[in-house]
Amino acid sequence: MNINIEESWKQKLTNEFNKPYFESLVDFVKKEYQTETCYPPGSQIFSAFDLCAFDDVKVVIIGQDPYHGEGQANGLCFSVADGISHPPSLINIFKEIERDLNRPYPKSGNLKRWAKQGVLLLNATLTVRKQQAGSHQKKGWEQFTNEVIKLLSKEKSDVIFLLWGGFAKQKAKFIDETKHHVLVSGHPSPLSANRGYWFGNKHFSKTNAILKDCGKKEIKW
């Protein structure tokens, strides 16, 4: 099956694209986009991959679903399109960066700038129906993105995985922690953050310290 995705990922994932479950997933997604309002726009479904080639991946952040409000989702977890107001989890991410790195709160919630520096912003489910959170879960996306995590774990080294919240922490079993770095904390959502499980995790400075130790360029968060 020919999937329109960045070339290095296409080469790595060709076998996955040809599996029966993925063909069924594509049929489902096509029908949903034809009959319902779905997000992100079709051209942005694989933005996380298109903006961060396989060889460039230094950091992986794992989300769950795309945002399901109009104009929000742009194919990158926790990110919103330019000009869109920042959702609560993204606000808390930026507040932690403010505290951790003494950086000013950014105007744009578009995290494309992170992706271009080697941060794979991977939602476990890559599409969603408007105003229906979780509507495209358990259709095959999770199987696909689990394979992506396994692939990164197997073929790369010294990747930093940021696992925020219970859902993301479940992905730890796919990561070889003898050759990669896993940082875990609560989710940046208000429910978790207000209970003290998010703020103060210092994941952004810790990530940059690890990158520096590995001789890699730090991320400009």
C-alpha atoms as a PDB file:
ATOM      1  CA  MET A   1       0.000   0.000   0.000  1.00  0.00           C
ATOM      2  CA  ASN A   2       1.393   3.408  -0.983  1.00  0.00           C
ATOM      3  CA  ILE A   3       1.196   5.795   1.978  1.00  0.00           C
ATOM      4  CA  ASN A   4       2.128   9.453   1.560  1.00  0.00           C
ATOM      5  CA  ILE A   5       4.722   9.798   4.322  1.00  0.00           C
ATOM      6  CA  GLU A   6       8.303  11.082   4.622  1.00  0.00           C
ATOM      7  CA  GLU A   7      10.673   8.835   2.644  1.00  0.00           C
ATOM      8  CA  SER A   8      12.857   7.479   5.452  1.00  0.00           C
ATOM      9  CA  TRP A   9       9.766   6.420   7.399  1.00  0.00           C
ATOM     10  CA  LYS A  10       8.213   4.955   4.258  1.00  0.00           C
ATOM     11  CA  GLN A  11      11.244   2.690   3.821  1.00  0.00           C
ATOM     12  CA  LYS A  12      11.154   1.610   7.470  1.00  0.00           C
ATOM     13  CA  LEU A  13       7.401   1.020   7.597  1.00  0.00           C
ATOM     14  CA  THR A  14       6.606  -0.480   4.184  1.00  0.00           C
ATOM     15  CA  ASN A  15       6.041  -3.935   5.668  1.00  0.00           C
ATOM     16  CA  GLU A  16       3.666  -2.465   8.242  1.00  0.00           C
ATOM     17  CA  PHE A  17       1.671  -0.631   5.582  1.00  0.00           C
ATOM     18  CA  ASN A  18       1.109  -3.916   3.740  1.00  0.00           C
ATOM     19  CA  LYS A  19      -0.316  -5.805   6.716  1.00  0.00           C
ATOM     20  CA  PRO A  20      -4.048  -6.599   6.674  1.00  0.00           C
ATOM     21  CA  TYR A  21      -4.789  -4.597   9.852  1.00  0.00           C
ATOM     22  CA  PHE A  22      -3.320  -1.440   8.299  1.00  0.00           C
ATOM     23  CA  GLU A  23      -5.285  -1.871   5.084  1.00  0.00           C
ATOM     24  CA  SER A  24      -8.452  -2.178   7.187  1.00  0.00           C
ATOM     25  CA  LEU A  25      -7.433   0.920   9.136  1.00  0.00           C
ATOM     26  CA  VAL A  26      -6.960   2.927   5.940  1.00  0.00           C
ATOM     27  CA  ASP A  27     -10.395   1.833   4.697  1.00  0.00           C
ATOM     28  CA  PHE A  28     -11.944   2.934   7.993  1.00  0.00           C
ATOM     29  CA  VAL A  29     -10.170   6.314   8.018  1.00  0.00           C
ATOM     30  CA  LYS A  30     -11.053   7.056   4.378  1.00  0.00           C
ATOM     31  CA  LYS A  31     -14.727   6.335   5.028  1.00  0.00           C
ATOM     32  CA  GLU A  32     -14.722   8.479   8.189  1.00  0.00           C
ATOM     33  CA  TYR A  33     -13.153  11.452   6.384  1.00  0.00           C
ATOM     34  CA  GLN A  34     -15.682  11.090   3.543  1.00  0.00           C
ATOM     35  CA  THR A  35     -18.745  10.912   5.772  1.00  0.00           C
ATOM     36  CA  GLU A  36     -17.808  12.804   8.964  1.00  0.00           C
ATOM     37  CA  THR A  37     -15.770  15.826  10.007  1.00  0.00           C
ATOM     38  CA  CYS A  38     -12.439  14.455  11.232  1.00  0.00           C
ATOM     39  CA  TYR A  39      -9.159  15.870  12.466  1.00  0.00           C
ATOM     40  CA  PRO A  40      -6.395  16.603  11.687  1.00  0.00           C
ATOM     41  CA  PRO A  41      -6.759  17.540   7.989  1.00  0.00           C
ATOM     42  CA  GLY A  42      -5.931  14.537   5.810  1.00  0.00           C
ATOM     43  CA  SER A  43      -2.667  16.056   4.635  1.00  0.00           C
ATOM     44  CA  GLN A  44      -1.482  16.352   8.258  1.00  0.00           C
ATOM     45  CA  ILE A  45      -2.256  12.858   9.539  1.00  0.00           C
ATOM     46  CA  PHE A  46       1.425  11.891   9.294  1.00  0.00           C
ATOM     47  CA  SER A  47       2.885  15.305  10.168  1.00  0.00           C
ATOM     48  CA  ALA A  48       4.818  13.902  13.135  1.00  0.00           C
ATOM     49  CA  PHE A  49       6.760  11.735  10.690  1.00  0.00           C
ATOM     50  CA  ASP A  50       6.939  14.234   7.839  1.00  0.00           C
ATOM     51  CA  LEU A  51       8.559  16.874  10.052  1.00  0.00           C
ATOM     52  CA  CYS A  52      10.979  14.534  11.832  1.00  0.00           C
ATOM     53  CA  ALA A  53      12.780  11.962   9.676  1.00  0.00           C
ATOM     54  CA  PHE A  54      13.720   8.612  11.220  1.00  0.00           C
ATOM     55  CA  ASP A  55      17.441   9.387  11.436  1.00  0.00           C
ATOM     56  CA  ASP A  56      16.717  12.748  13.071  1.00  0.00           C
ATOM     57  CA  VAL A  57      14.673  11.437  16.007  1.00  0.00           C
ATOM     58  CA  LYS A  58      16.314  12.357  19.313  1.00  0.00           C
ATOM     59  CA  VAL A  59      13.279  12.688  21.591  1.00  0.00           C
ATOM     60  CA  VAL A  60       9.851  11.018  21.536  1.00  0.00           C
ATOM     61  CA  ILE A  61       6.789  12.493  23.260  1.00  0.00           C
ATOM     62  CA  ILE A  62       3.738  10.233  23.303  1.00  0.00           C
ATOM     63  CA  GLY A  63       0.178  11.552  23.341  1.00  0.00           C
ATOM     64  CA  GLN A  64      -3.116   9.703  23.080  1.00  0.00           C
ATOM     65  CA  ASP A  65      -5.637  11.310  20.688  1.00  0.00           C
ATOM     66  CA  PRO A  66      -5.548  14.362  18.424  1.00  0.00           C
ATOM     67  CA  TYR A  67      -7.525  17.354  19.671  1.00  0.00           C
ATOM     68  CA  HIS A  68     -11.123  17.061  18.475  1.00  0.00           C
ATOM     69  CA  GLY A  69     -12.066  20.761  18.376  1.00  0.00           C
ATOM     70  CA  GLU A  70     -12.299  22.692  15.133  1.00  0.00           C
ATOM     71  CA  GLY A  71      -8.951  23.850  13.762  1.00  0.00           C
ATOM     72  CA  GLN A  72      -6.902  22.542  16.681  1.00  0.00           C
ATOM     73  CA  ALA A  73      -5.142  19.333  15.608  1.00  0.00           C
ATOM     74  CA  ASN A  74      -2.167  19.554  13.257  1.00  0.00           C
ATOM     75  CA  GLY A  75      -0.801  16.010  13.436  1.00  0.00           C
ATOM     76  CA  LEU A  76       1.610  16.627  16.319  1.00  0.00           C
ATOM     77  CA  CYS A  77       0.722  15.553  19.863  1.00  0.00           C
ATOM     78  CA  PHE A  78      -0.108  18.411  22.282  1.00  0.00           C
ATOM     79  CA  SER A  79       0.379  20.914  19.410  1.00  0.00           C
ATOM     80  CA  VAL A  80      -2.199  23.249  17.893  1.00  0.00           C
ATOM     81  CA  ALA A  81      -2.169  25.187  14.646  1.00  0.00           C
ATOM     82  CA  ASP A  82      -0.920  28.773  14.633  1.00  0.00           C
ATOM     83  CA  GLY A  83      -3.468  31.267  15.919  1.00  0.00           C
ATOM     84  CA  ILE A  84      -5.408  28.679  17.942  1.00  0.00           C
ATOM     85  CA  SER A  85      -5.784  29.257  21.688  1.00  0.00           C
ATOM     86  CA  HIS A  86      -3.700  26.891  23.797  1.00  0.00           C
ATOM     87  CA  PRO A  87      -5.517  23.908  25.355  1.00  0.00           C
ATOM     88  CA  PRO A  88      -5.012  23.329  29.106  1.00  0.00           C
ATOM     89  CA  SER A  89      -2.378  20.581  28.775  1.00  0.00           C
ATOM     90  CA  LEU A  90      -0.298  22.690  26.407  1.00  0.00           C
ATOM     91  CA  ILE A  91      -0.546  25.664  28.756  1.00  0.00           C
ATOM     92  CA  ASN A  92       0.872  23.504  31.560  1.00  0.00           C
ATOM     93  CA  ILE A  93       3.660  22.224  29.298  1.00  0.00           C
ATOM     94  CA  PHE A  94       4.665  25.793  28.516  1.00  0.00           C
ATOM     95  CA  LYS A  95       4.406  26.798  32.200  1.00  0.00           C
ATOM     96  CA  GLU A  96       6.789  23.988  33.136  1.00  0.00           C
ATOM     97  CA  ILE A  97       9.230  25.112  30.446  1.00  0.00           C
ATOM     98  CA  GLU A  98       8.997  28.646  31.888  1.00  0.00           C
ATOM     99  CA  ARG A  99       9.867  27.360  35.361  1.00  0.00           C
ATOM    100  CA  ASP A 100      12.416  24.787  34.271  1.00  0.00           C
ATOM    101  CA  LEU A 101      14.391  26.784  31.720  1.00  0.00           C
ATOM    102  CA  ASN A 102      13.431  30.380  32.562  1.00  0.00           C
ATOM    103  CA  ARG A 103      12.074  30.815  29.033  1.00  0.00           C
ATOM    104  CA  PRO A 104       9.228  33.204  28.186  1.00  0.00           C
ATOM    105  CA  TYR A 105       5.801  31.715  27.500  1.00  0.00           C
ATOM    106  CA  PRO A 106       5.517  31.303  23.688  1.00  0.00           C
ATOM    107  CA  LYS A 107       2.808  32.961  21.618  1.00  0.00           C
ATOM    108  CA  SER A 108       2.347  30.025  19.238  1.00  0.00           C
ATOM    109  CA  GLY A 109       1.187  26.594  20.331  1.00  0.00           C
ATOM    110  CA  ASN A 110       2.442  25.062  17.090  1.00  0.00           C
ATOM    111  CA  LEU A 111       5.162  22.598  18.097  1.00  0.00           C
ATOM    112  CA  LYS A 112       6.438  22.202  14.542  1.00  0.00           C
ATOM    113  CA  ARG A 113       9.556  23.995  15.796  1.00  0.00           C
ATOM    114  CA  TRP A 114      10.239  21.067  18.153  1.00  0.00           C
ATOM    115  CA  ALA A 115       9.618  18.452  15.462  1.00  0.00           C
ATOM    116  CA  LYS A 116      12.149  20.075  13.163  1.00  0.00           C
ATOM    117  CA  GLN A 117      14.780  19.710  15.901  1.00  0.00           C
ATOM    118  CA  GLY A 118      14.291  15.954  16.266  1.00  0.00           C
ATOM    119  CA  VAL A 119      11.285  15.631  18.588  1.00  0.00           C
ATOM    120  CA  LEU A 120       8.810  13.008  17.374  1.00  0.00           C
ATOM    121  CA  LEU A 121       5.420  14.199  18.644  1.00  0.00           C
ATOM    122  CA  LEU A 122       3.547  10.921  18.368  1.00  0.00           C
ATOM    123  CA  ASN A 123      -0.114  10.429  19.186  1.00  0.00           C
ATOM    124  CA  ALA A 124      -1.051   6.787  19.712  1.00  0.00           C
ATOM    125  CA  THR A 125      -4.146   7.382  17.578  1.00  0.00           C
ATOM    126  CA  LEU A 126      -3.565   9.658  14.602  1.00  0.00           C
ATOM    127  CA  THR A 127      -7.143  10.660  13.721  1.00  0.00           C
ATOM    128  CA  VAL A 128     -10.388  11.513  15.509  1.00  0.00           C
ATOM    129  CA  ARG A 129     -13.980  12.465  14.690  1.00  0.00           C
ATOM    130  CA  LYS A 130     -15.032  16.042  15.519  1.00  0.00           C
ATOM    131  CA  GLN A 131     -16.054  16.486  19.170  1.00  0.00           C
ATOM    132  CA  GLN A 132     -15.812  12.719  19.798  1.00  0.00           C
ATOM    133  CA  ALA A 133     -12.715  11.944  21.824  1.00  0.00           C
ATOM    134  CA  GLY A 134     -11.484   8.397  21.352  1.00  0.00           C
ATOM    135  CA  SER A 135     -13.719   7.796  18.336  1.00  0.00           C
ATOM    136  CA  HIS A 136     -10.883   6.329  16.234  1.00  0.00           C
ATOM    137  CA  GLN A 137      -9.288   4.271  18.987  1.00  0.00           C
ATOM    138  CA  LYS A 138      -8.996   0.482  18.658  1.00  0.00           C
ATOM    139  CA  LYS A 139      -9.207   0.607  14.870  1.00  0.00           C
ATOM    140  CA  GLY A 140      -5.528  -0.174  14.255  1.00  0.00           C
ATOM    141  CA  TRP A 141      -3.719   3.081  14.954  1.00  0.00           C
ATOM    142  CA  GLU A 142      -2.422   1.878  18.312  1.00  0.00           C
ATOM    143  CA  GLN A 143      -0.952  -1.245  16.743  1.00  0.00           C
ATOM    144  CA  PHE A 144       0.783   0.898  14.150  1.00  0.00           C
ATOM    145  CA  THR A 145       2.223   3.430  16.602  1.00  0.00           C
ATOM    146  CA  ASN A 146       3.341   0.656  18.960  1.00  0.00           C
ATOM    147  CA  GLU A 147       5.342  -0.760  16.060  1.00  0.00           C
ATOM    148  CA  VAL A 148       6.873   2.676  15.481  1.00  0.00           C
ATOM    149  CA  ILE A 149       8.040   2.771  19.117  1.00  0.00           C
ATOM    150  CA  LYS A 150       9.446  -0.761  18.835  1.00  0.00           C
ATOM    151  CA  LEU A 151      11.249   0.181  15.630  1.00  0.00           C
ATOM    152  CA  LEU A 152      12.863   3.225  17.213  1.00  0.00           C
ATOM    153  CA  SER A 153      13.869   1.171  20.243  1.00  0.00           C
ATOM    154  CA  LYS A 154      15.398  -1.579  18.127  1.00  0.00           C
ATOM    155  CA  GLU A 155      17.219   0.422  15.471  1.00  0.00           C
ATOM    156  CA  LYS A 156      18.334   3.559  17.321  1.00  0.00           C
ATOM    157  CA  SER A 157      20.186   4.298  20.559  1.00  0.00           C
ATOM    158  CA  ASP A 158      20.112   7.072  23.155  1.00  0.00           C
ATOM    159  CA  VAL A 159      16.622   8.228  22.212  1.00  0.00           C
ATOM    160  CA  ILE A 160      14.873  10.045  25.074  1.00  0.00           C
ATOM    161  CA  PHE A 161      11.273   8.935  25.596  1.00  0.00           C
ATOM    162  CA  LEU A 162       9.062  11.297  27.611  1.00  0.00           C
ATOM    163  CA  LEU A 163       6.145   9.334  29.039  1.00  0.00           C
ATOM    164  CA  TRP A 164       3.544  11.639  30.570  1.00  0.00           C
ATOM    165  CA  GLY A 165       0.599  10.050  32.353  1.00  0.00           C
ATOM    166  CA  GLY A 166      -0.703   6.525  32.722  1.00  0.00           C
ATOM    167  CA  PHE A 167      -1.450   5.928  29.055  1.00  0.00           C
ATOM    168  CA  ALA A 168       2.027   6.900  27.867  1.00  0.00           C
ATOM    169  CA  LYS A 169       3.683   4.927  30.665  1.00  0.00           C
ATOM    170  CA  GLN A 170       2.144   1.750  29.222  1.00  0.00           C
ATOM    171  CA  LYS A 171       4.444   2.196  26.208  1.00  0.00           C
ATOM    172  CA  ALA A 172       7.541   1.652  28.358  1.00  0.00           C
ATOM    173  CA  LYS A 173       7.320  -2.095  27.722  1.00  0.00           C
ATOM    174  CA  PHE A 174       8.206  -1.478  24.065  1.00  0.00           C
ATOM    175  CA  ILE A 175      11.400   0.432  24.917  1.00  0.00           C
ATOM    176  CA  ASP A 176      14.797  -1.129  25.621  1.00  0.00           C
ATOM    177  CA  GLU A 177      15.904   0.910  28.626  1.00  0.00           C
ATOM    178  CA  THR A 178      19.422  -0.500  28.438  1.00  0.00           C
ATOM    179  CA  LYS A 179      20.064   1.621  25.320  1.00  0.00           C
ATOM    180  CA  HIS A 180      17.544   4.455  25.631  1.00  0.00           C
ATOM    181  CA  HIS A 181      16.490   7.027  28.225  1.00  0.00           C
ATOM    182  CA  VAL A 182      12.965   7.043  29.682  1.00  0.00           C
ATOM    183  CA  LEU A 183      11.650   9.990  31.708  1.00  0.00           C
ATOM    184  CA  VAL A 184       8.274   9.503  33.410  1.00  0.00           C
ATOM    185  CA  SER A 185       5.880  11.922  35.088  1.00  0.00           C
ATOM    186  CA  GLY A 186       2.218  12.708  35.520  1.00  0.00           C
ATOM    187  CA  HIS A 187       0.218  14.100  32.609  1.00  0.00           C
ATOM    188  CA  PRO A 188       0.211  17.867  31.982  1.00  0.00           C
ATOM    189  CA  SER A 189      -3.606  17.971  32.085  1.00  0.00           C
ATOM    190  CA  PRO A 190      -5.015  20.188  34.863  1.00  0.00           C
ATOM    191  CA  LEU A 191      -6.391  17.188  36.763  1.00  0.00           C
ATOM    192  CA  SER A 192      -2.915  15.649  37.096  1.00  0.00           C
ATOM    193  CA  ALA A 193      -0.913  18.881  37.231  1.00  0.00           C
ATOM    194  CA  ASN A 194      -3.033  20.374  40.015  1.00  0.00           C
ATOM    195  CA  ARG A 195      -2.395  17.275  42.118  1.00  0.00           C
ATOM    196  CA  GLY A 196       1.330  17.838  41.894  1.00  0.00           C
ATOM    197  CA  TYR A 197       2.151  15.128  39.341  1.00  0.00           C
ATOM    198  CA  TRP A 198       3.383  17.409  36.546  1.00  0.00           C
ATOM    199  CA  PHE A 199       4.980  20.644  37.665  1.00  0.00           C
ATOM    200  CA  GLY A 200       8.599  20.366  38.721  1.00  0.00           C
ATOM    201  CA  ASN A 201       9.407  17.283  36.625  1.00  0.00           C
ATOM    202  CA  LYS A 202      12.119  19.313  34.844  1.00  0.00           C
ATOM    203  CA  HIS A 203      11.867  17.021  31.823  1.00  0.00           C
ATOM    204  CA  PHE A 204      13.014  19.743  29.450  1.00  0.00           C
ATOM    205  CA  SER A 205      16.276  20.543  31.219  1.00  0.00           C
ATOM    206  CA  LYS A 206      16.854  16.833  31.926  1.00  0.00           C
ATOM    207  CA  THR A 207      16.355  16.027  28.242  1.00  0.00           C
ATOM    208  CA  ASN A 208      18.864  18.660  27.207  1.00  0.00           C
ATOM    209  CA  ALA A 209      21.383  17.431  29.783  1.00  0.00           C
ATOM    210  CA  ILE A 210      21.130  13.898  28.350  1.00  0.00           C
ATOM    211  CA  LEU A 211      21.466  15.182  24.781  1.00  0.00           C
ATOM    212  CA  LYS A 212      24.554  17.162  25.783  1.00  0.00           C
ATOM    213  CA  ASP A 213      26.078  14.092  27.454  1.00  0.00           C
ATOM    214  CA  CYS A 214      25.451  12.142  24.233  1.00  0.00           C
ATOM    215  CA  GLY A 215      27.143  14.813  22.132  1.00  0.00           C
ATOM    216  CA  LYS A 216      23.872  15.842  20.501  1.00  0.00           C
ATOM    217  CA  LYS A 217      22.473  19.326  19.956  1.00  0.00           C
ATOM    218  CA  GLU A 218      20.091  20.445  22.692  1.00  0.00           C
ATOM    219  CA  ILE A 219      16.453  21.253  21.939  1.00  0.00           C
ATOM    220  CA  LYS A 220      15.347  24.877  21.920  1.00  0.00           C
ATOM    221  CA  TRP A 221      12.102  24.340  23.785  1.00  0.00           C
END
